[in-house]
């Protein structure tokens, strides 16, 4: 399902179902808000890395990929600061290895109007959920 508004397309479909419809280097910005775990969890990394490589191909040289994601404990216990730091470093490294340059990291702040099952559940208990937003571009390669 695609809703068009001049230069903006809102797409509420799985990435892999719509990415093929865009030419390489044709998209200004892709925003992924609180993706399903199969698109971000470390145990599913081999499955989702190709999807994000495709996003990298589709965004323009000066385009953006904005990822807003959450960390919760598997047993729904508070997330320790050390576990958050390890997860954050892994996330940054994973996207850097794909070919993204991390331009800005916003953590500790939940963007307004975002919702997920766990975000709603732990709204009054911020120790149980951590939100991070990564603003990314393509890495600039000298000579390319």
Protein backbone atom coordinates (compact mmCIF):
# COMPACT_ATOMS: atom_id res chain seq x y z
CA UNK A 1 0.00 0.00 0.00
CA UNK A 2 1.54 3.29 -1.13
CA UNK A 3 0.15 6.73 -0.37
CA UNK A 4 1.55 9.48 -2.61
CA UNK A 5 1.85 13.15 -1.70
CA UNK A 6 3.97 14.86 -4.40
CA UNK A 7 7.51 14.10 -3.22
CA UNK A 8 6.70 11.83 -0.28
CA UNK A 9 5.68 8.20 -0.34
CA UNK A 10 4.44 6.51 2.82
CA UNK A 11 4.92 2.79 2.51
CA UNK A 12 3.61 0.37 5.08
CA UNK A 13 4.91 -2.88 3.65
CA UNK A 14 7.91 -5.12 4.32
CA UNK A 15 11.14 -3.60 2.99
CA UNK A 16 11.89 -6.52 0.75
CA UNK A 17 8.51 -6.17 -1.00
CA UNK A 18 9.01 -2.56 -2.07
CA UNK A 19 12.72 -1.87 -2.44
CA UNK A 20 12.94 -3.48 -5.87
CA UNK A 21 10.56 -0.82 -7.22
CA UNK A 22 13.10 1.96 -6.67
CA UNK A 23 16.14 2.65 -8.82
CA UNK A 24 19.58 2.72 -7.22
CA UNK A 25 20.58 6.19 -5.97
CA UNK A 26 17.00 7.46 -6.31
CA UNK A 27 15.66 7.80 -2.76
CA UNK A 28 16.32 10.88 -0.61
CA UNK A 29 15.45 9.36 2.77
CA UNK A 30 14.38 6.00 4.16
CA UNK A 31 13.04 5.93 7.71
CA UNK A 32 12.64 2.70 9.62
CA UNK A 33 10.75 3.16 12.87
CA UNK A 34 10.85 0.40 15.47
CA UNK A 35 11.35 -2.43 12.99
CA UNK A 36 10.22 -5.94 13.76
CA UNK A 37 12.99 -7.97 15.48
CA UNK A 38 13.59 -9.99 12.31
CA UNK A 39 14.93 -6.73 10.78
CA UNK A 40 17.28 -5.72 13.59
CA UNK A 41 18.05 -8.44 16.17
CA UNK A 42 21.61 -9.71 16.33
CA UNK A 43 20.52 -13.35 15.97
CA UNK A 44 18.81 -12.50 12.66
CA UNK A 45 21.75 -10.47 11.34
CA UNK A 46 22.49 -12.76 8.38
CA UNK A 47 18.90 -12.29 7.21
CA UNK A 48 18.61 -8.51 7.54
CA UNK A 49 22.04 -7.31 6.42
CA UNK A 50 21.17 -7.83 2.71
CA UNK A 51 18.01 -5.74 3.20
CA UNK A 52 19.97 -2.80 4.60
CA UNK A 53 22.60 -3.19 1.85
CA UNK A 54 19.74 -2.76 -0.61
CA UNK A 55 18.60 0.38 1.22
CA UNK A 56 22.17 1.68 0.95
CA UNK A 57 22.04 1.10 -2.82
CA UNK A 58 18.66 2.84 -3.16
CA UNK A 59 19.46 6.05 -1.26
CA UNK A 60 21.10 8.91 -3.10
CA UNK A 61 24.76 9.74 -2.52
CA UNK A 62 23.67 12.53 -0.18
CA UNK A 63 20.53 10.69 1.00
CA UNK A 64 19.71 9.52 4.51
CA UNK A 65 18.71 6.34 6.26
CA UNK A 66 17.15 6.99 9.66
CA UNK A 67 16.75 4.04 11.98
CA UNK A 68 14.83 4.25 15.24
CA UNK A 69 15.06 1.05 17.24
CA UNK A 70 14.67 -0.26 20.76
CA UNK A 71 16.51 -2.53 23.17
CA UNK A 72 14.66 -4.55 25.75
CA UNK A 73 15.78 -7.43 27.92
CA UNK A 74 14.58 -10.87 26.76
CA UNK A 75 13.15 -11.50 30.24
CA UNK A 76 11.68 -7.97 30.37
CA UNK A 77 14.03 -7.01 33.19
CA UNK A 78 15.72 -3.60 33.36
CA UNK A 79 18.42 -3.11 30.74
CA UNK A 80 21.77 -2.51 32.41
CA UNK A 81 23.82 0.46 31.23
CA UNK A 82 26.67 -1.91 30.28
CA UNK A 83 24.35 -4.08 28.17
CA UNK A 84 23.05 -0.97 26.44
CA UNK A 85 26.57 0.21 25.64
CA UNK A 86 27.52 -3.21 24.21
CA UNK A 87 24.33 -3.27 22.09
CA UNK A 88 24.83 0.31 20.90
CA UNK A 89 28.44 -0.41 19.85
CA UNK A 90 27.34 -3.57 18.03
CA UNK A 91 24.54 -1.68 16.22
CA UNK A 92 26.88 1.11 15.11
CA UNK A 93 29.52 -1.38 13.97
CA UNK A 94 26.98 -3.51 12.07
CA UNK A 95 25.67 -0.54 10.08
CA UNK A 96 29.17 0.84 9.50
CA UNK A 97 30.26 -2.52 8.07
CA UNK A 98 27.27 -2.47 5.71
CA UNK A 99 28.58 0.83 4.30
CA UNK A 100 26.71 3.48 6.25
CA UNK A 101 28.36 6.47 7.86
CA UNK A 102 26.76 7.27 11.20
CA UNK A 103 26.13 11.02 11.11
CA UNK A 104 24.25 11.37 14.37
CA UNK A 105 23.28 9.17 17.30
CA UNK A 106 20.30 10.11 19.41
CA UNK A 107 19.90 7.90 22.45
CA UNK A 108 18.02 8.18 25.67
CA UNK A 109 15.20 10.08 24.00
CA UNK A 110 12.04 8.62 22.55
CA UNK A 111 10.90 10.48 19.44
CA UNK A 112 7.42 11.93 19.85
CA UNK A 113 4.48 10.02 18.44
CA UNK A 114 6.34 6.70 18.08
CA UNK A 115 4.71 3.61 19.40
CA UNK A 116 5.46 -0.06 19.77
CA UNK A 117 4.21 -2.82 21.99
CA UNK A 118 7.13 -2.50 24.42
CA UNK A 119 7.38 1.26 24.23
CA UNK A 120 3.73 1.52 25.27
CA UNK A 121 4.15 -1.19 27.91
CA UNK A 122 7.23 0.39 29.50
CA UNK A 123 6.34 4.05 29.03
CA UNK A 124 6.49 4.65 32.80
CA UNK A 125 9.47 2.34 33.32
CA UNK A 126 12.30 3.68 31.14
CA UNK A 127 14.88 1.29 32.63
CA UNK A 128 13.23 -1.59 30.75
CA UNK A 129 13.50 -0.07 27.28
CA UNK A 130 16.16 1.96 25.50
CA UNK A 131 15.53 3.79 22.26
CA UNK A 132 18.28 4.81 19.86
CA UNK A 133 18.04 6.70 16.58
CA UNK A 134 20.81 6.54 14.01
CA UNK A 135 20.96 9.11 11.23
CA UNK A 136 23.09 7.60 8.48
CA UNK A 137 24.38 8.36 4.99
CA UNK A 138 26.49 6.48 2.49
CA UNK A 139 30.17 6.46 3.36
CA UNK A 140 32.07 8.92 1.23
CA UNK A 141 34.78 7.19 -0.77
CA UNK A 142 37.61 9.35 -2.11
CA UNK A 143 38.07 8.73 -5.79
CA UNK A 144 34.56 7.48 -6.44
